[in-house]
Amino acid sequence: MSPRAWRPWTSSWPSRGCNRRTLRLQGATYRELLSTGNLQLTRSQELREAIVQLYEEAERTTTVVDRNNQRLVDQAYGLPLLDSGLVAPRFSTNLPPAIGQQLRALQARIALPPDPSADRLWQLSADAPERSLLANRVLRRTIVSTTTLSQVEVLQGQFRTVREAVVAERARGR
């Protein structure tokens, strides 16, 4: 495959890196258990402590992910990338159907996305400083994504473990 054939993918990735997922903790049941005192219905002190510790850790992780999204993705990556004009904005492909439909209509009206080979990135010389800057930004964005994914995977494992402990306690009739 020729280097020119890679341009559509290479151009779309930095722009799509501006999109991000927001981590949300569904903790209504936990908050209700705390506010009503019903957490005490769990007789195992060890399990109660594990539940509280898990939700506190999940809330901390959610706060860190949100802060990283705002500072590292939006402010340090997305805005500077789009402001640089090296790559044109691309429409996200993972939006809810109604929003996706509206964006497709907008895309049709303004004829976007442009031909990826027309991005200013491809007009730069191979040793242009803007290329290094873009590569560094993409690398930092990739590190943020990988770190976030790792944090979420750890939380998933912790939630599974606590859920199994709750199920086991209920089976014992406690």
C-alpha atoms as a PDB file:
ATOM      1  CA  MET A   1       0.000   0.000   0.000  1.00  0.00           C
ATOM      2  CA  SER A   2       1.391   3.363  -0.976  1.00  0.00           C
ATOM      3  CA  PRO A   3       1.904   6.102   1.644  1.00  0.00           C
ATOM      4  CA  ARG A   4      -0.737   8.158  -0.167  1.00  0.00           C
ATOM      5  CA  ALA A   5      -3.271   5.353   0.369  1.00  0.00           C
ATOM      6  CA  TRP A   6      -2.806   5.732   4.143  1.00  0.00           C
ATOM      7  CA  ARG A   7      -3.766   9.420   4.097  1.00  0.00           C
ATOM      8  CA  PRO A   8      -7.507   9.029   4.739  1.00  0.00           C
ATOM      9  CA  TRP A   9      -6.877   6.959   7.873  1.00  0.00           C
ATOM     10  CA  THR A  10      -3.910   9.054   8.979  1.00  0.00           C
ATOM     11  CA  SER A  11      -5.893  12.270   8.543  1.00  0.00           C
ATOM     12  CA  SER A  12      -9.019  11.035  10.273  1.00  0.00           C
ATOM     13  CA  TRP A  13      -7.381   9.664  13.417  1.00  0.00           C
ATOM     14  CA  PRO A  14      -6.074  12.973  14.839  1.00  0.00           C
ATOM     15  CA  SER A  15      -9.423  14.627  14.217  1.00  0.00           C
ATOM     16  CA  ARG A  16     -11.386  11.760  15.749  1.00  0.00           C
ATOM     17  CA  GLY A  17      -9.071  11.913  18.750  1.00  0.00           C
ATOM     18  CA  CYS A  18     -10.917  15.129  19.631  1.00  0.00           C
ATOM     19  CA  ASN A  19     -13.960  12.980  20.430  1.00  0.00           C
ATOM     20  CA  ARG A  20     -14.062  11.470  23.876  1.00  0.00           C
ATOM     21  CA  ARG A  21     -16.182   9.295  26.096  1.00  0.00           C
ATOM     22  CA  THR A  22     -17.454  10.542  29.415  1.00  0.00           C
ATOM     23  CA  LEU A  23     -17.276   8.070  32.290  1.00  0.00           C
ATOM     24  CA  ARG A  24     -20.399   8.130  34.438  1.00  0.00           C
ATOM     25  CA  LEU A  25     -20.905   6.215  37.645  1.00  0.00           C
ATOM     26  CA  GLN A  26     -24.424   4.905  38.218  1.00  0.00           C
ATOM     27  CA  GLY A  27     -24.527   5.119  41.999  1.00  0.00           C
ATOM     28  CA  ALA A  28     -28.159   5.812  42.895  1.00  0.00           C
ATOM     29  CA  THR A  29     -28.608   2.510  44.717  1.00  0.00           C
ATOM     30  CA  TYR A  30     -25.368   2.992  46.627  1.00  0.00           C
ATOM     31  CA  ARG A  31     -26.347   6.540  47.676  1.00  0.00           C
ATOM     32  CA  GLU A  32     -29.758   5.273  48.767  1.00  0.00           C
ATOM     33  CA  LEU A  33     -28.136   2.518  50.858  1.00  0.00           C
ATOM     34  CA  LEU A  34     -25.976   5.137  52.559  1.00  0.00           C
ATOM     35  CA  SER A  35     -28.685   7.736  53.149  1.00  0.00           C
ATOM     36  CA  THR A  36     -31.255   5.268  54.509  1.00  0.00           C
ATOM     37  CA  GLY A  37     -28.798   3.263  56.589  1.00  0.00           C
ATOM     38  CA  ASN A  38     -29.759   0.128  54.675  1.00  0.00           C
ATOM     39  CA  LEU A  39     -26.107  -0.644  54.004  1.00  0.00           C
ATOM     40  CA  GLN A  40     -26.185  -2.066  57.540  1.00  0.00           C
ATOM     41  CA  LEU A  41     -28.486  -4.824  56.248  1.00  0.00           C
ATOM     42  CA  THR A  42     -25.311  -6.387  54.920  1.00  0.00           C
ATOM     43  CA  ARG A  43     -24.092  -8.210  57.993  1.00  0.00           C
ATOM     44  CA  SER A  44     -20.549  -8.642  56.792  1.00  0.00           C
ATOM     45  CA  GLN A  45     -18.456  -5.682  57.921  1.00  0.00           C
ATOM     46  CA  GLU A  46     -15.815  -6.704  55.389  1.00  0.00           C
ATOM     47  CA  LEU A  47     -18.345  -6.582  52.534  1.00  0.00           C
ATOM     48  CA  ARG A  48     -19.730  -3.203  53.669  1.00  0.00           C
ATOM     49  CA  GLU A  49     -16.222  -1.777  53.719  1.00  0.00           C
ATOM     50  CA  ALA A  50     -15.514  -3.243  50.271  1.00  0.00           C
ATOM     51  CA  ILE A  51     -18.681  -1.642  48.861  1.00  0.00           C
ATOM     52  CA  VAL A  52     -17.852   1.771  50.337  1.00  0.00           C
ATOM     53  CA  GLN A  53     -14.226   1.560  49.236  1.00  0.00           C
ATOM     54  CA  LEU A  54     -15.265   0.566  45.706  1.00  0.00           C
ATOM     55  CA  TYR A  55     -17.657   3.482  45.277  1.00  0.00           C
ATOM     56  CA  GLU A  56     -15.158   5.963  46.721  1.00  0.00           C
ATOM     57  CA  GLU A  57     -12.507   4.669  44.308  1.00  0.00           C
ATOM     58  CA  ALA A  58     -14.981   4.797  41.411  1.00  0.00           C
ATOM     59  CA  GLU A  59     -15.886   8.411  42.245  1.00  0.00           C
ATOM     60  CA  ARG A  60     -12.187   9.372  42.384  1.00  0.00           C
ATOM     61  CA  THR A  61     -11.540   7.661  39.049  1.00  0.00           C
ATOM     62  CA  THR A  62     -14.538   9.377  37.463  1.00  0.00           C
ATOM     63  CA  THR A  63     -13.252  12.753  38.676  1.00  0.00           C
ATOM     64  CA  VAL A  64      -9.760  12.068  37.284  1.00  0.00           C
ATOM     65  CA  VAL A  65     -11.107  10.887  33.921  1.00  0.00           C
ATOM     66  CA  ASP A  66     -13.358  13.963  33.639  1.00  0.00           C
ATOM     67  CA  ARG A  67     -10.477  16.286  34.520  1.00  0.00           C
ATOM     68  CA  ASN A  68      -8.189  14.536  32.016  1.00  0.00           C
ATOM     69  CA  ASN A  69     -10.881  14.836  29.347  1.00  0.00           C
ATOM     70  CA  GLN A  70     -11.261  18.557  29.969  1.00  0.00           C
ATOM     71  CA  ARG A  71      -7.604  19.455  30.265  1.00  0.00           C
ATOM     72  CA  LEU A  72      -5.720  16.904  28.211  1.00  0.00           C
ATOM     73  CA  VAL A  73      -8.241  16.062  25.514  1.00  0.00           C
ATOM     74  CA  ASP A  74     -10.250  19.238  25.030  1.00  0.00           C
ATOM     75  CA  GLN A  75      -7.788  21.990  25.969  1.00  0.00           C
ATOM     76  CA  ALA A  76      -4.362  20.496  25.232  1.00  0.00           C
ATOM     77  CA  TYR A  77      -5.300  18.302  22.274  1.00  0.00           C
ATOM     78  CA  GLY A  78      -8.578  19.098  20.543  1.00  0.00           C
ATOM     79  CA  LEU A  79      -8.602  22.880  20.413  1.00  0.00           C
ATOM     80  CA  PRO A  80      -4.939  23.299  19.407  1.00  0.00           C
ATOM     81  CA  LEU A  81      -5.244  20.547  16.774  1.00  0.00           C
ATOM     82  CA  LEU A  82      -8.318  22.020  15.145  1.00  0.00           C
ATOM     83  CA  ASP A  83      -6.959  25.572  15.452  1.00  0.00           C
ATOM     84  CA  SER A  84      -3.739  24.515  13.710  1.00  0.00           C
ATOM     85  CA  GLY A  85      -5.662  23.665  10.539  1.00  0.00           C
ATOM     86  CA  LEU A  86      -3.395  20.681   9.863  1.00  0.00           C
ATOM     87  CA  VAL A  87      -6.383  18.350   9.576  1.00  0.00           C
ATOM     88  CA  ALA A  88     -10.003  19.235   8.936  1.00  0.00           C
ATOM     89  CA  PRO A  89     -12.647  18.228  11.471  1.00  0.00           C
ATOM     90  CA  ARG A  90     -14.228  14.837  10.867  1.00  0.00           C
ATOM     91  CA  PHE A  91     -17.694  13.806  11.922  1.00  0.00           C
ATOM     92  CA  SER A  92     -17.894  11.222  14.678  1.00  0.00           C
ATOM     93  CA  THR A  93     -19.252   7.818  13.735  1.00  0.00           C
ATOM     94  CA  ASN A  94     -20.417   6.700  17.172  1.00  0.00           C
ATOM     95  CA  LEU A  95     -23.143   9.202  17.946  1.00  0.00           C
ATOM     96  CA  PRO A  96     -26.767   8.408  18.787  1.00  0.00           C
ATOM     97  CA  PRO A  97     -28.875   7.957  15.606  1.00  0.00           C
ATOM     98  CA  ALA A  98     -30.773  11.263  15.870  1.00  0.00           C
ATOM     99  CA  ILE A  99     -27.590  13.308  16.276  1.00  0.00           C
ATOM    100  CA  GLY A 100     -25.819  11.282  13.600  1.00  0.00           C
ATOM    101  CA  GLN A 101     -28.685  11.970  11.207  1.00  0.00           C
ATOM    102  CA  GLN A 102     -28.470  15.721  11.867  1.00  0.00           C
ATOM    103  CA  LEU A 103     -24.705  15.714  11.326  1.00  0.00           C
ATOM    104  CA  ARG A 104     -25.033  13.760   8.079  1.00  0.00           C
ATOM    105  CA  ALA A 105     -27.512  16.400   6.846  1.00  0.00           C
ATOM    106  CA  LEU A 106     -25.055  19.144   7.838  1.00  0.00           C
ATOM    107  CA  GLN A 107     -22.228  17.252   6.177  1.00  0.00           C
ATOM    108  CA  ALA A 108     -24.218  17.038   2.939  1.00  0.00           C
ATOM    109  CA  ARG A 109     -25.002  20.785   3.015  1.00  0.00           C
ATOM    110  CA  ILE A 110     -21.401  21.899   3.520  1.00  0.00           C
ATOM    111  CA  ALA A 111     -19.652  19.082   1.619  1.00  0.00           C
ATOM    112  CA  LEU A 112     -17.604  17.747   4.536  1.00  0.00           C
ATOM    113  CA  PRO A 113     -15.426  15.907   5.258  1.00  0.00           C
ATOM    114  CA  PRO A 114     -13.043  17.175   2.625  1.00  0.00           C
ATOM    115  CA  ASP A 115     -10.770  14.922   0.681  1.00  0.00           C
ATOM    116  CA  PRO A 116      -8.216  13.816   3.329  1.00  0.00           C
ATOM    117  CA  SER A 117      -5.390  14.377   0.862  1.00  0.00           C
ATOM    118  CA  ALA A 118      -6.347  18.080   0.878  1.00  0.00           C
ATOM    119  CA  ASP A 119      -5.507  18.457   4.588  1.00  0.00           C
ATOM    120  CA  ARG A 120      -2.742  20.996   5.166  1.00  0.00           C
ATOM    121  CA  LEU A 121      -0.756  18.241   6.894  1.00  0.00           C
ATOM    122  CA  TRP A 122       0.107  16.732   3.497  1.00  0.00           C
ATOM    123  CA  GLN A 123       1.374  20.040   2.126  1.00  0.00           C
ATOM    124  CA  LEU A 124       4.103  20.270   4.766  1.00  0.00           C
ATOM    125  CA  SER A 125       7.631  19.088   4.153  1.00  0.00           C
ATOM    126  CA  ALA A 126       8.638  15.882   5.926  1.00  0.00           C
ATOM    127  CA  ASP A 127      10.805  17.798   8.401  1.00  0.00           C
ATOM    128  CA  ALA A 128       8.294  20.563   9.160  1.00  0.00           C
ATOM    129  CA  PRO A 129       8.059  21.269  12.913  1.00  0.00           C
ATOM    130  CA  GLU A 130       4.255  21.095  12.715  1.00  0.00           C
ATOM    131  CA  ARG A 131       4.497  17.372  11.905  1.00  0.00           C
ATOM    132  CA  SER A 132       6.496  16.699  15.066  1.00  0.00           C
ATOM    133  CA  LEU A 133       4.073  18.778  17.081  1.00  0.00           C
ATOM    134  CA  LEU A 134       1.137  16.829  15.669  1.00  0.00           C
ATOM    135  CA  ALA A 135       2.868  13.493  16.308  1.00  0.00           C
ATOM    136  CA  ASN A 136       3.557  14.495  19.925  1.00  0.00           C
ATOM    137  CA  ARG A 137      -0.048  15.580  20.453  1.00  0.00           C
ATOM    138  CA  VAL A 138      -1.368  12.326  19.004  1.00  0.00           C
ATOM    139  CA  LEU A 139       1.026  10.362  21.226  1.00  0.00           C
ATOM    140  CA  ARG A 140      -0.132  12.235  24.347  1.00  0.00           C
ATOM    141  CA  ARG A 141      -3.764  11.693  23.356  1.00  0.00           C
ATOM    142  CA  THR A 142      -3.085   7.977  22.894  1.00  0.00           C
ATOM    143  CA  ILE A 143      -1.464   7.780  26.339  1.00  0.00           C
ATOM    144  CA  VAL A 144      -4.497   9.476  27.923  1.00  0.00           C
ATOM    145  CA  SER A 145      -6.845   7.021  26.178  1.00  0.00           C
ATOM    146  CA  THR A 146      -4.797   3.994  27.168  1.00  0.00           C
ATOM    147  CA  THR A 147      -4.556   5.125  30.782  1.00  0.00           C
ATOM    148  CA  THR A 148      -8.295   5.791  30.979  1.00  0.00           C
ATOM    149  CA  LEU A 149      -9.086   2.400  29.498  1.00  0.00           C
ATOM    150  CA  SER A 150      -6.810   0.718  32.047  1.00  0.00           C
ATOM    151  CA  GLN A 151      -8.484   2.567  34.932  1.00  0.00           C
ATOM    152  CA  VAL A 152     -11.933   1.557  33.716  1.00  0.00           C
ATOM    153  CA  GLU A 153     -10.879  -2.076  33.304  1.00  0.00           C
ATOM    154  CA  VAL A 154      -9.590  -2.122  36.903  1.00  0.00           C
ATOM    155  CA  LEU A 155     -12.908  -0.688  38.117  1.00  0.00           C
ATOM    156  CA  GLN A 156     -14.842  -3.282  36.126  1.00  0.00           C
ATOM    157  CA  GLY A 157     -12.865  -6.044  37.825  1.00  0.00           C
ATOM    158  CA  GLN A 158     -13.465  -4.516  41.251  1.00  0.00           C
ATOM    159  CA  PHE A 159     -17.200  -4.188  40.595  1.00  0.00           C
ATOM    160  CA  ARG A 160     -17.350  -7.843  39.485  1.00  0.00           C
ATOM    161  CA  THR A 161     -15.548  -8.953  42.645  1.00  0.00           C
ATOM    162  CA  VAL A 162     -17.878  -6.986  44.963  1.00  0.00           C
ATOM    163  CA  ARG A 163     -20.934  -8.141  43.017  1.00  0.00           C
ATOM    164  CA  GLU A 164     -19.848 -11.779  43.430  1.00  0.00           C
ATOM    165  CA  ALA A 165     -19.363 -11.193  47.166  1.00  0.00           C
ATOM    166  CA  VAL A 166     -22.862  -9.673  47.442  1.00  0.00           C
ATOM    167  CA  VAL A 167     -24.379 -12.602  45.555  1.00  0.00           C
ATOM    168  CA  ALA A 168     -22.496 -15.075  47.760  1.00  0.00           C
ATOM    169  CA  GLU A 169     -23.708 -13.333  50.935  1.00  0.00           C
ATOM    170  CA  ARG A 170     -27.288 -13.333  49.712  1.00  0.00           C
ATOM    171  CA  ALA A 171     -27.010 -17.063  48.913  1.00  0.00           C
ATOM    172  CA  ARG A 172     -25.868 -17.700  52.491  1.00  0.00           C
ATOM    173  CA  GLY A 173     -29.092 -16.017  53.654  1.00  0.00           C
ATOM    174  CA  ARG A 174     -27.432 -13.217  55.537  1.00  0.00           C
END
